[in-house]
Every structure is written in C-alpha cells, then in structure tokens.
C-alpha cells in the first residue's frame, strides 16, 4: 500500500548524516520533534564513527522521546 492509502501522503522521512555533531544534534532533534507527528514519518541518523558524544545524544533522545 502506498503512503496515501495510509493517510501519509504528505509525510516525509528525514535522513541525517552525522560526524562529530554532538554540539548540534540535540538541538536539531528537538526542533524536529516540534513538527506535528503526521508530517514526519521517521527520522534516520547515520553516524560516521564520531569521536564525540554524538552516540550518547542519539541514545538519550531515543530514550526520552515519548512520541
């Protein structure tokens, strides 16, 4: 079935490619979380072996996000 059949015709997926972005990633994810749920279907983050706290930021956001 297409997205339109599920009422998701205007929903999008967001892809984020990340490398050492802990200083920005939390703010980006918080901004995206303010967008109404039907507008964003999924958020995918690919981390390229960061050496900062990027993974910890992603794990904390995934744990704390209640949508």
Protein backbone atom coordinates (compact mmCIF):
# COMPACT_ATOMS: atom_id res chain seq x y z
CA UNK A 1 0.00 0.00 0.00
CA UNK A 2 1.19 3.47 -0.69
CA UNK A 3 1.57 6.20 1.90
CA UNK A 4 -1.58 7.83 0.52
CA UNK A 5 -3.55 4.68 1.36
CA UNK A 6 -2.45 5.07 4.97
CA UNK A 7 -3.13 8.81 5.12
CA UNK A 8 0.60 9.58 4.92
CA UNK A 9 0.59 11.24 1.51
CA UNK A 10 2.37 14.33 2.82
CA UNK A 11 4.54 12.58 5.41
CA UNK A 12 8.28 12.58 4.92
CA UNK A 13 11.28 10.64 6.19
CA UNK A 14 14.31 12.64 7.26
CA UNK A 15 17.87 11.38 6.77
CA UNK A 16 20.69 12.93 8.81
CA UNK A 17 24.33 12.05 8.17
CA UNK A 18 26.41 12.84 11.21
CA UNK A 19 30.08 13.07 12.15
CA UNK A 20 31.07 14.66 15.46
CA UNK A 21 27.84 16.66 15.69
CA UNK A 22 27.03 16.36 19.38
CA UNK A 23 27.03 20.15 19.76
CA UNK A 24 24.25 20.49 17.17
CA UNK A 25 22.39 17.19 17.03
CA UNK A 26 20.28 17.56 20.18
CA UNK A 27 19.02 20.98 19.10
CA UNK A 28 18.22 19.63 15.62
CA UNK A 29 16.30 16.66 17.01
CA UNK A 30 14.40 18.87 19.46
CA UNK A 31 13.41 21.18 16.60
CA UNK A 32 12.22 18.24 14.52
CA UNK A 33 10.21 16.91 17.47
CA UNK A 34 8.12 20.10 17.39
CA UNK A 35 6.86 19.28 13.90
CA UNK A 36 3.45 17.55 14.11
CA UNK A 37 3.82 13.77 14.02
CA UNK A 38 1.95 13.07 10.78
CA UNK A 39 4.28 15.41 8.86
CA UNK A 40 7.41 13.41 9.74
CA UNK A 41 7.09 9.68 9.48
CA UNK A 42 10.63 8.67 10.51
CA UNK A 43 13.98 10.23 11.31
CA UNK A 44 17.07 8.22 10.36
CA UNK A 45 20.52 9.19 11.61
CA UNK A 46 23.69 7.68 10.19
CA UNK A 47 26.74 8.31 12.33
CA UNK A 48 30.15 8.05 10.66
CA UNK A 49 32.18 6.79 13.65
CA UNK A 50 32.10 10.05 15.61
CA UNK A 51 34.63 10.51 18.40
CA UNK A 52 32.49 12.91 20.43
CA UNK A 53 29.23 12.37 22.34
CA UNK A 54 27.05 12.02 19.22
CA UNK A 55 26.04 8.45 20.06
CA UNK A 56 25.14 9.40 23.64
CA UNK A 57 22.99 12.29 22.34
CA UNK A 58 21.15 9.92 19.99
CA UNK A 59 20.63 7.30 22.67
CA UNK A 60 19.32 9.86 25.17
CA UNK A 61 16.94 11.38 22.63
CA UNK A 62 15.61 7.96 21.63
CA UNK A 63 15.11 7.04 25.27
CA UNK A 64 13.45 10.33 26.25
CA UNK A 65 11.27 10.96 23.19
CA UNK A 66 7.70 9.94 24.04
CA UNK A 67 6.04 10.29 20.65
